[in-house]
Structure formats: structure tokens, C-alpha cells
PDB file of N, CA and C in Angstrom:
ATOM      1  N   VAL A   1       0.842  -1.175   0.000  1.00  0.00           N
ATOM      2  CA  VAL A   1       0.000   0.000   0.000  1.00  0.00           C
ATOM      3  C   VAL A   1       0.889   1.240   0.000  1.00  0.00           C
ATOM      4  N   VAL A   2       0.576   2.147  -0.872  1.00  0.00           N
ATOM      5  CA  VAL A   2       1.292   3.415  -0.970  1.00  0.00           C
ATOM      6  C   VAL A   2       0.295   4.527  -0.664  1.00  0.00           C
ATOM      7  N   ALA A   3       0.696   5.472   0.151  1.00  0.00           N
ATOM      8  CA  ALA A   3      -0.176   6.596   0.487  1.00  0.00           C
ATOM      9  C   ALA A   3       0.537   7.906   0.159  1.00  0.00           C
ATOM     10  N   SER A   4      -0.256   8.900  -0.193  1.00  0.00           N
ATOM     11  CA  SER A   4       0.308  10.222  -0.461  1.00  0.00           C
ATOM     12  C   SER A   4      -0.696  11.290  -0.061  1.00  0.00           C
ATOM     13  N   ILE A   5      -0.179  12.483   0.157  1.00  0.00           N
ATOM     14  CA  ILE A   5      -1.014  13.655   0.392  1.00  0.00           C
ATOM     15  C   ILE A   5      -0.611  14.685  -0.646  1.00  0.00           C
ATOM     16  N   LEU A   6      -1.580  15.088  -1.454  1.00  0.00           N
ATOM     17  CA  LEU A   6      -1.360  16.128  -2.448  1.00  0.00           C
ATOM     18  C   LEU A   6      -2.154  17.353  -2.016  1.00  0.00           C
ATOM     19  N   LEU A   7      -1.525  18.500  -2.068  1.00  0.00           N
ATOM     20  CA  LEU A   7      -2.167  19.747  -1.682  1.00  0.00           C
ATOM     21  C   LEU A   7      -2.569  20.525  -2.916  1.00  0.00           C
ATOM     22  N   LEU A   8      -3.550  21.378  -2.770  1.00  0.00           N
ATOM     23  CA  LEU A   8      -4.046  22.194  -3.871  1.00  0.00           C
ATOM     24  C   LEU A   8      -3.545  23.619  -3.661  1.00  0.00           C
ATOM     25  N   ASP A   9      -2.840  24.162  -4.658  1.00  0.00           N
ATOM     26  CA  ASP A   9      -2.353  25.528  -4.499  1.00  0.00           C
ATOM     27  C   ASP A   9      -3.414  26.539  -4.932  1.00  0.00           C
ATOM     28  N   GLU A  10      -3.086  27.812  -4.864  1.00  0.00           N
ATOM     29  CA  GLU A  10      -4.059  28.867  -5.165  1.00  0.00           C
ATOM     30  C   GLU A  10      -4.463  28.911  -6.633  1.00  0.00           C
ATOM     31  N   THR A  11      -3.714  28.220  -7.494  1.00  0.00           N
ATOM     32  CA  THR A  11      -4.061  28.178  -8.918  1.00  0.00           C
ATOM     33  C   THR A  11      -4.804  26.895  -9.288  1.00  0.00           C
ATOM     34  N   GLN A  12      -5.238  26.126  -8.260  1.00  0.00           N
ATOM     35  CA  GLN A  12      -5.976  24.879  -8.452  1.00  0.00           C
ATOM     36  C   GLN A  12      -5.115  23.798  -9.111  1.00  0.00           C
ATOM     37  N   ARG A  13      -3.856  23.761  -8.682  1.00  0.00           N
ATOM     38  CA  ARG A  13      -2.912  22.750  -9.163  1.00  0.00           C
ATOM     39  C   ARG A  13      -2.438  21.899  -8.002  1.00  0.00           C
ATOM     40  N   LEU A  14      -2.204  20.629  -8.294  1.00  0.00           N
ATOM     41  CA  LEU A  14      -1.752  19.687  -7.277  1.00  0.00           C
ATOM     42  C   LEU A  14      -0.273  19.868  -6.979  1.00  0.00           C
ATOM     43  N   ARG A  15       0.070  19.793  -5.702  1.00  0.00           N
ATOM     44  CA  ARG A  15       1.458  19.871  -5.242  1.00  0.00           C
ATOM     45  C   ARG A  15       1.695  18.741  -4.252  1.00  0.00           C
ATOM     46  N   PRO A  16       2.759  17.980  -4.420  1.00  0.00           N
ATOM     47  CA  PRO A  16       3.044  16.908  -3.456  1.00  0.00           C
ATOM     48  C   PRO A  16       3.271  17.491  -2.059  1.00  0.00           C
ATOM     49  N   GLY A  17       2.603  16.897  -1.082  1.00  0.00           N
ATOM     50  CA  GLY A  17       2.800  17.281   0.317  1.00  0.00           C
ATOM     51  C   GLY A  17       3.635  16.231   1.018  1.00  0.00           C
ATOM     52  N   ALA A  18       3.188  14.998   0.953  1.00  0.00           N
ATOM     53  CA  ALA A  18       3.917  13.860   1.532  1.00  0.00           C
ATOM     54  C   ALA A  18       3.590  12.632   0.690  1.00  0.00           C
ATOM     55  N   ALA A  19       4.633  11.957   0.244  1.00  0.00           N
ATOM     56  CA  ALA A  19       4.430  10.771  -0.594  1.00  0.00           C
ATOM     57  C   ALA A  19       5.677   9.896  -0.539  1.00  0.00           C
ATOM     58  N   PRO A  20       5.984   9.359   0.634  1.00  0.00           N
ATOM     59  CA  PRO A  20       7.237   8.614   0.785  1.00  0.00           C
ATOM     60  C   PRO A  20       7.335   7.342  -0.047  1.00  0.00           C
ATOM     61  N   GLY A  21       6.221   6.776  -0.492  1.00  0.00           N
ATOM     62  CA  GLY A  21       6.268   5.533  -1.243  1.00  0.00           C
ATOM     63  C   GLY A  21       6.208   5.688  -2.751  1.00  0.00           C
ATOM     64  N   LEU A  22       6.075   6.915  -3.233  1.00  0.00           N
ATOM     65  CA  LEU A  22       5.985   7.134  -4.676  1.00  0.00           C
ATOM     66  C   LEU A  22       7.340   7.554  -5.234  1.00  0.00           C
ATOM     67  N   PRO A  23       7.665   7.097  -6.436  1.00  0.00           N
ATOM     68  CA  PRO A  23       8.940   7.468  -7.045  1.00  0.00           C
ATOM     69  C   PRO A  23       9.034   8.977  -7.307  1.00  0.00           C
ATOM     70  N   ALA A  24      10.230   9.507  -7.201  1.00  0.00           N
ATOM     71  CA  ALA A  24      10.463  10.933  -7.456  1.00  0.00           C
ATOM     72  C   ALA A  24      10.013  11.320  -8.862  1.00  0.00           C
ATOM     73  N   SER A  25      10.170  10.421  -9.831  1.00  0.00           N
ATOM     74  CA  SER A  25       9.757  10.721 -11.210  1.00  0.00           C
ATOM     75  C   SER A  25       8.241  10.908 -11.310  1.00  0.00           C
ATOM     76  N   PHE A  26       7.476  10.119 -10.555  1.00  0.00           N
ATOM     77  CA  PHE A  26       6.024  10.255 -10.546  1.00  0.00           C
ATOM     78  C   PHE A  26       5.642  11.593  -9.919  1.00  0.00           C
ATOM     79  N   LEU A  27       6.247  11.921  -8.776  1.00  0.00           N
ATOM     80  CA  LEU A  27       5.937  13.179  -8.098  1.00  0.00           C
ATOM     81  C   LEU A  27       6.286  14.383  -8.962  1.00  0.00           C
ATOM     82  N   ALA A  28       7.412  14.321  -9.663  1.00  0.00           N
ATOM     83  CA  ALA A  28       7.798  15.421 -10.547  1.00  0.00           C
ATOM     84  C   ALA A  28       6.794  15.589 -11.680  1.00  0.00           C
ATOM     85  N   ALA A  29       6.280  14.479 -12.190  1.00  0.00           N
ATOM     86  CA  ALA A  29       5.332  14.524 -13.301  1.00  0.00           C
ATOM     87  C   ALA A  29       3.980  15.104 -12.898  1.00  0.00           C
ATOM     88  N   ILE A  30       3.559  14.885 -11.654  1.00  0.00           N
ATOM     89  CA  ILE A  30       2.242  15.383 -11.238  1.00  0.00           C
ATOM     90  C   ILE A  30       2.320  16.741 -10.551  1.00  0.00           C
ATOM     91  N   ASP A  31       3.507  17.178 -10.178  1.00  0.00           N
ATOM     92  CA  ASP A  31       3.655  18.466  -9.502  1.00  0.00           C
ATOM     93  C   ASP A  31       3.211  19.594 -10.429  1.00  0.00           C
ATOM     94  N   GLY A  32       2.184  20.325 -10.013  1.00  0.00           N
ATOM     95  CA  GLY A  32       1.660  21.429 -10.799  1.00  0.00           C
ATOM     96  C   GLY A  32       0.553  21.050 -11.765  1.00  0.00           C
ATOM     97  N   LEU A  33       0.093  19.806 -11.688  1.00  0.00           N
ATOM     98  CA  LEU A  33      -0.973  19.329 -12.560  1.00  0.00           C
ATOM     99  C   LEU A  33      -2.294  19.998 -12.172  1.00  0.00           C
ATOM    100  N   ALA A  34      -2.983  20.591 -13.139  1.00  0.00           N
ATOM    101  CA  ALA A  34      -4.275  21.232 -12.878  1.00  0.00           C
ATOM    102  C   ALA A  34      -5.327  20.157 -12.627  1.00  0.00           C
ATOM    103  N   ILE A  35      -6.164  20.366 -11.615  1.00  0.00           N
ATOM    104  CA  ILE A  35      -7.222  19.407 -11.318  1.00  0.00           C
ATOM    105  C   ILE A  35      -8.293  19.483 -12.397  1.00  0.00           C
ATOM    106  N   GLY A  36      -9.065  18.402 -12.511  1.00  0.00           N
ATOM    107  CA  GLY A  36     -10.155  18.379 -13.481  1.00  0.00           C
ATOM    108  C   GLY A  36     -10.688  16.973 -13.640  1.00  0.00           C
ATOM    109  N   GLU A  37     -11.772  16.847 -14.347  1.00  0.00           N
ATOM    110  CA  GLU A  37     -12.355  15.545 -14.649  1.00  0.00           C
ATOM    111  C   GLU A  37     -11.392  14.784 -15.550  1.00  0.00           C
ATOM    112  N   GLY A  38     -11.035  13.573 -15.161  1.00  0.00           N
ATOM    113  CA  GLY A  38     -10.132  12.764 -15.968  1.00  0.00           C
ATOM    114  C   GLY A  38      -8.664  13.023 -15.701  1.00  0.00           C
ATOM    115  N   VAL A  39      -8.349  13.647 -14.578  1.00  0.00           N
ATOM    116  CA  VAL A  39      -6.959  13.904 -14.211  1.00  0.00           C
ATOM    117  C   VAL A  39      -6.576  12.921 -13.112  1.00  0.00           C
ATOM    118  N   GLY A  40      -6.587  11.631 -13.481  1.00  0.00           N
ATOM    119  CA  GLY A  40      -6.293  10.584 -12.511  1.00  0.00           C
ATOM    120  C   GLY A  40      -7.305  10.583 -11.382  1.00  0.00           C
ATOM    121  N   SER A  41      -7.008   9.832 -10.346  1.00  0.00           N
ATOM    122  CA  SER A  41      -7.923   9.758  -9.205  1.00  0.00           C
ATOM    123  C   SER A  41      -7.858  11.019  -8.354  1.00  0.00           C
ATOM    124  N   CYS A  42      -6.644  11.497  -8.069  1.00  0.00           N
ATOM    125  CA  CYS A  42      -6.500  12.650  -7.181  1.00  0.00           C
ATOM    126  C   CYS A  42      -7.001  13.943  -7.817  1.00  0.00           C
ATOM    127  N   GLY A  43      -6.643  14.175  -9.064  1.00  0.00           N
ATOM    128  CA  GLY A  43      -7.110  15.386  -9.738  1.00  0.00           C
ATOM    129  C   GLY A  43      -8.614  15.412  -9.914  1.00  0.00           C
ATOM    130  N   THR A  44      -9.195  14.242 -10.147  1.00  0.00           N
ATOM    131  CA  THR A  44     -10.648  14.147 -10.301  1.00  0.00           C
ATOM    132  C   THR A  44     -11.345  14.313  -8.954  1.00  0.00           C
ATOM    133  N   ALA A  45     -10.808  13.693  -7.901  1.00  0.00           N
ATOM    134  CA  ALA A  45     -11.405  13.820  -6.564  1.00  0.00           C
ATOM    135  C   ALA A  45     -11.371  15.268  -6.087  1.00  0.00           C
ATOM    136  N   ALA A  46     -10.248  15.949  -6.315  1.00  0.00           N
ATOM    137  CA  ALA A  46     -10.154  17.353  -5.918  1.00  0.00           C
ATOM    138  C   ALA A  46     -11.120  18.211  -6.731  1.00  0.00           C
ATOM    139  N   PHE A  47     -11.274  17.924  -8.001  1.00  0.00           N
ATOM    140  CA  PHE A  47     -12.185  18.663  -8.869  1.00  0.00           C
ATOM    141  C   PHE A  47     -13.639  18.451  -8.454  1.00  0.00           C
ATOM    142  N   ARG A  48     -13.999  17.186  -8.199  1.00  0.00           N
ATOM    143  CA  ARG A  48     -15.381  16.862  -7.826  1.00  0.00           C
ATOM    144  C   ARG A  48     -15.695  17.204  -6.369  1.00  0.00           C
ATOM    145  N   GLY A  49     -14.664  17.209  -5.518  1.00  0.00           N
ATOM    146  CA  GLY A  49     -14.885  17.407  -4.086  1.00  0.00           C
ATOM    147  C   GLY A  49     -15.493  16.189  -3.423  1.00  0.00           C
ATOM    148  N   GLU A  50     -15.238  15.011  -4.006  1.00  0.00           N
ATOM    149  CA  GLU A  50     -15.780  13.758  -3.456  1.00  0.00           C
ATOM    150  C   GLU A  50     -14.788  12.624  -3.704  1.00  0.00           C
ATOM    151  N   PRO A  51     -14.901  11.541  -2.931  1.00  0.00           N
ATOM    152  CA  PRO A  51     -13.977  10.413  -3.112  1.00  0.00           C
ATOM    153  C   PRO A  51     -14.092   9.781  -4.497  1.00  0.00           C
ATOM    154  N   VAL A  52     -12.966   9.261  -4.971  1.00  0.00           N
ATOM    155  CA  VAL A  52     -12.909   8.559  -6.255  1.00  0.00           C
ATOM    156  C   VAL A  52     -12.167   7.246  -6.034  1.00  0.00           C
ATOM    157  N   GLU A  53     -12.777   6.159  -6.470  1.00  0.00           N
ATOM    158  CA  GLU A  53     -12.148   4.835  -6.393  1.00  0.00           C
ATOM    159  C   GLU A  53     -11.950   4.292  -7.801  1.00  0.00           C
ATOM    160  N   VAL A  54     -10.757   3.817  -8.071  1.00  0.00           N
ATOM    161  CA  VAL A  54     -10.450   3.209  -9.366  1.00  0.00           C
ATOM    162  C   VAL A  54      -9.836   1.843  -9.084  1.00  0.00           C
ATOM    163  N   ASP A  55     -10.542   0.796  -9.468  1.00  0.00           N
ATOM    164  CA  ASP A  55     -10.075  -0.576  -9.245  1.00  0.00           C
ATOM    165  C   ASP A  55      -9.017  -1.018 -10.248  1.00  0.00           C
ATOM    166  N   ASP A  56      -9.041  -0.432 -11.440  1.00  0.00           N
ATOM    167  CA  ASP A  56      -8.115  -0.834 -12.497  1.00  0.00           C
ATOM    168  C   ASP A  56      -7.682   0.398 -13.282  1.00  0.00           C
ATOM    169  N   ILE A  57      -6.530   0.949 -12.913  1.00  0.00           N
ATOM    170  CA  ILE A  57      -6.029   2.152 -13.574  1.00  0.00           C
ATOM    171  C   ILE A  57      -5.892   1.936 -15.076  1.00  0.00           C
ATOM    172  N   ALA A  58      -5.439   0.762 -15.493  1.00  0.00           N
ATOM    173  CA  ALA A  58      -5.219   0.483 -16.914  1.00  0.00           C
ATOM    174  C   ALA A  58      -6.496   0.582 -17.737  1.00  0.00           C
ATOM    175  N   ALA A  59      -7.650   0.396 -17.116  1.00  0.00           N
ATOM    176  CA  ALA A  59      -8.925   0.430 -17.837  1.00  0.00           C
ATOM    177  C   ALA A  59      -9.758   1.678 -17.543  1.00  0.00           C
ATOM    178  N   SER A  60      -9.334   2.496 -16.602  1.00  0.00           N
ATOM    179  CA  SER A  60     -10.142   3.641 -16.183  1.00  0.00           C
ATOM    180  C   SER A  60     -10.001   4.837 -17.111  1.00  0.00           C
ATOM    181  N   PRO A  61     -11.129   5.435 -17.512  1.00  0.00           N
ATOM    182  CA  PRO A  61     -11.055   6.639 -18.337  1.00  0.00           C
ATOM    183  C   PRO A  61     -10.462   7.837 -17.586  1.00  0.00           C
ATOM    184  N   LEU A  62     -10.463   7.788 -16.256  1.00  0.00           N
ATOM    185  CA  LEU A  62      -9.874   8.879 -15.477  1.00  0.00           C
ATOM    186  C   LEU A  62      -8.357   8.923 -15.608  1.00  0.00           C
ATOM    187  N   TRP A  63      -7.770   7.796 -16.006  1.00  0.00           N
ATOM    188  CA  TRP A  63      -6.316   7.678 -16.099  1.00  0.00           C
ATOM    189  C   TRP A  63      -5.810   7.615 -17.539  1.00  0.00           C
ATOM    190  N   THR A  64      -6.645   7.909 -18.513  1.00  0.00           N
ATOM    191  CA  THR A  64      -6.259   7.782 -19.926  1.00  0.00           C
ATOM    192  C   THR A  64      -4.916   8.455 -20.226  1.00  0.00           C
ATOM    193  N   ASP A  65      -4.733   9.680 -19.785  1.00  0.00           N
ATOM    194  CA  ASP A  65      -3.508  10.426 -20.089  1.00  0.00           C
ATOM    195  C   ASP A  65      -2.346  10.096 -19.159  1.00  0.00           C
ATOM    196  N   TYR A  66      -2.597   9.271 -18.133  1.00  0.00           N
ATOM    197  CA  TYR A  66      -1.583   9.036 -17.104  1.00  0.00           C
ATOM    198  C   TYR A  66      -1.283   7.552 -16.875  1.00  0.00           C
ATOM    199  N   ARG A  67      -1.806   6.691 -17.735  1.00  0.00           N
ATOM    200  CA  ARG A  67      -1.624   5.239 -17.562  1.00  0.00           C
ATOM    201  C   ARG A  67      -0.160   4.822 -17.530  1.00  0.00           C
ATOM    202  N   ASP A  68       0.627   5.319 -18.466  1.00  0.00           N
ATOM    203  CA  ASP A  68       2.038   4.945 -18.517  1.00  0.00           C
ATOM    204  C   ASP A  68       2.768   5.410 -17.263  1.00  0.00           C
ATOM    205  N   LEU A  69       2.455   6.598 -16.813  1.00  0.00           N
ATOM    206  CA  LEU A  69       3.064   7.144 -15.599  1.00  0.00           C
ATOM    207  C   LEU A  69       2.728   6.261 -14.402  1.00  0.00           C
ATOM    208  N   ALA A  70       1.474   5.858 -14.284  1.00  0.00           N
ATOM    209  CA  ALA A  70       1.042   4.993 -13.183  1.00  0.00           C
ATOM    210  C   ALA A  70       1.723   3.632 -13.260  1.00  0.00           C
ATOM    211  N   ARG A  71       1.779   3.065 -14.451  1.00  0.00           N
ATOM    212  CA  ARG A  71       2.425   1.757 -14.631  1.00  0.00           C
ATOM    213  C   ARG A  71       3.897   1.826 -14.220  1.00  0.00           C
ATOM    214  N   GLU A  72       4.595   2.867 -14.653  1.00  0.00           N
ATOM    215  CA  GLU A  72       6.006   3.038 -14.311  1.00  0.00           C
ATOM    216  C   GLU A  72       6.209   3.189 -12.803  1.00  0.00           C
ATOM    217  N   ALA A  73       5.218   3.736 -12.114  1.00  0.00           N
ATOM    218  CA  ALA A  73       5.288   3.907 -10.659  1.00  0.00           C
ATOM    219  C   ALA A  73       4.805   2.671  -9.914  1.00  0.00           C
ATOM    220  N   GLY A  74       4.332   1.654 -10.660  1.00  0.00           N
ATOM    221  CA  GLY A  74       3.855   0.427 -10.041  1.00  0.00           C
ATOM    222  C   GLY A  74       2.456   0.523  -9.475  1.00  0.00           C
ATOM    223  N   LEU A  75       1.668   1.466  -9.967  1.00  0.00           N
ATOM    224  CA  LEU A  75       0.298   1.649  -9.481  1.00  0.00           C
ATOM    225  C   LEU A  75      -0.685   0.902 -10.375  1.00  0.00           C
ATOM    226  N   ALA A  76      -1.576   0.142  -9.760  1.00  0.00           N
ATOM    227  CA  ALA A  76      -2.579  -0.613 -10.507  1.00  0.00           C
ATOM    228  C   ALA A  76      -4.002  -0.192 -10.143  1.00  0.00           C
ATOM    229  N   ALA A  77      -4.180   0.353  -8.949  1.00  0.00           N
ATOM    230  CA  ALA A  77      -5.482   0.817  -8.469  1.00  0.00           C
ATOM    231  C   ALA A  77      -5.233   2.039  -7.585  1.00  0.00           C
ATOM    232  N   CYS A  78      -6.276   2.837  -7.387  1.00  0.00           N
ATOM    233  CA  CYS A  78      -6.091   4.054  -6.595  1.00  0.00           C
ATOM    234  C   CYS A  78      -7.413   4.489  -5.974  1.00  0.00           C
ATOM    235  N   TRP A  79      -7.316   4.982  -4.770  1.00  0.00           N
ATOM    236  CA  TRP A  79      -8.464   5.549  -4.063  1.00  0.00           C
ATOM    237  C   TRP A  79      -8.056   6.932  -3.587  1.00  0.00           C
ATOM    238  N   SER A  80      -8.841   7.938  -3.882  1.00  0.00           N
ATOM    239  CA  SER A  80      -8.512   9.317  -3.510  1.00  0.00           C
ATOM    240  C   SER A  80      -9.673   9.961  -2.770  1.00  0.00           C
ATOM    241  N   MET A  81      -9.328  10.650  -1.694  1.00  0.00           N
ATOM    242  CA  MET A  81     -10.309  11.336  -0.850  1.00  0.00           C
ATOM    243  C   MET A  81      -9.884  12.810  -0.768  1.00  0.00           C
ATOM    244  N   PRO A  82     -10.741  13.739  -1.180  1.00  0.00           N
ATOM    245  CA  PRO A  82     -10.351  15.146  -1.083  1.00  0.00           C
ATOM    246  C   PRO A  82     -10.244  15.582   0.381  1.00  0.00           C
ATOM    247  N   ILE A  83      -9.322  16.494   0.627  1.00  0.00           N
ATOM    248  CA  ILE A  83      -9.174  17.121   1.938  1.00  0.00           C
ATOM    249  C   ILE A  83      -9.963  18.417   1.889  1.00  0.00           C
ATOM    250  N   LEU A  84     -10.957  18.544   2.766  1.00  0.00           N
ATOM    251  CA  LEU A  84     -11.838  19.714   2.782  1.00  0.00           C
ATOM    252  C   LEU A  84     -11.672  20.504   4.067  1.00  0.00           C
ATOM    253  N   ASP A  85     -11.825  21.826   3.998  1.00  0.00           N
ATOM    254  CA  ASP A  85     -11.864  22.618   5.213  1.00  0.00           C
ATOM    255  C   ASP A  85     -13.298  22.614   5.768  1.00  0.00           C
ATOM    256  N   ALA A  86     -13.520  23.320   6.857  1.00  0.00           N
ATOM    257  CA  ALA A  86     -14.830  23.326   7.514  1.00  0.00           C
ATOM    258  C   ALA A  86     -15.949  23.858   6.607  1.00  0.00           C
ATOM    259  N   ALA A  87     -15.584  24.710   5.653  1.00  0.00           N
ATOM    260  CA  ALA A  87     -16.573  25.284   4.739  1.00  0.00           C
ATOM    261  C   ALA A  87     -16.794  24.425   3.504  1.00  0.00           C
ATOM    262  N   GLY A  88     -16.044  23.330   3.382  1.00  0.00           N
ATOM    263  CA  GLY A  88     -16.192  22.450   2.238  1.00  0.00           C
ATOM    264  C   GLY A  88     -15.285  22.782   1.067  1.00  0.00           C
ATOM    265  N   THR A  89     -14.361  23.728   1.257  1.00  0.00           N
ATOM    266  CA  THR A  89     -13.412  24.085   0.219  1.00  0.00           C
ATOM    267  C   THR A  89     -12.328  23.014   0.125  1.00  0.00           C
ATOM    268  N   VAL A  90     -12.014  22.603  -1.080  1.00  0.00           N
ATOM    269  CA  VAL A  90     -10.982  21.573  -1.271  1.00  0.00           C
ATOM    270  C   VAL A  90      -9.606  22.184  -1.035  1.00  0.00           C
ATOM    271  N   LEU A  91      -8.847  21.529  -0.161  1.00  0.00           N
ATOM    272  CA  LEU A  91      -7.477  21.950   0.160  1.00  0.00           C
ATOM    273  C   LEU A  91      -6.441  21.030  -0.464  1.00  0.00           C
ATOM    274  N   GLY A  92      -6.860  19.800  -0.740  1.00  0.00           N
ATOM    275  CA  GLY A  92      -5.907  18.827  -1.286  1.00  0.00           C
ATOM    276  C   GLY A  92      -6.598  17.529  -1.614  1.00  0.00           C
TER     277      GLY A  92
END
């Protein structure tokens, strides 16, 4: 199991906060990625403001542009939960 915390900056882009189990190449590739529908599990969860579960990254439309990156990092499935403040604003 690999866990990470990605934070959302003021421009609505993902920034690695803590991800000790992910390769540096993966973190570099996602650093500054704009959130949105179809931006992997984390970018989609932050965009929607709700949890996203993907059982098979290789088959998921949310990972279409990031499949090779995930495969190289050894990721096959992913679950992402947005971090919200008390007002419901997505922080990460």
C-alpha cells in the first residue's frame, strides 16, 4: 500500500505534500498538474470534491492520459479522498 497527500495551491494545481512511497519521477510529473475531470484519481477527486475509487487504472477513463506514468510507478489501483476545510473548500 502506498499513500500520499497532495495539496491544492491557489491556482488549483496539485502539489506533493507527503508521498514517501511514490517514485520521485512520478511526483515530478504530477507536480503542478491542474485538477479536473479525468486527471487521474486525485485530480478528479479534488475537482469533484468527493472520493474517487479506481479498481483498475489500466482500464479507467480517469487515467487515460496518465496510464504509462502509473504503470512506471507500479500503481494498478487508486483511491482518492479530497481534503476539505470546515466550509467544504478543497485543500488537497
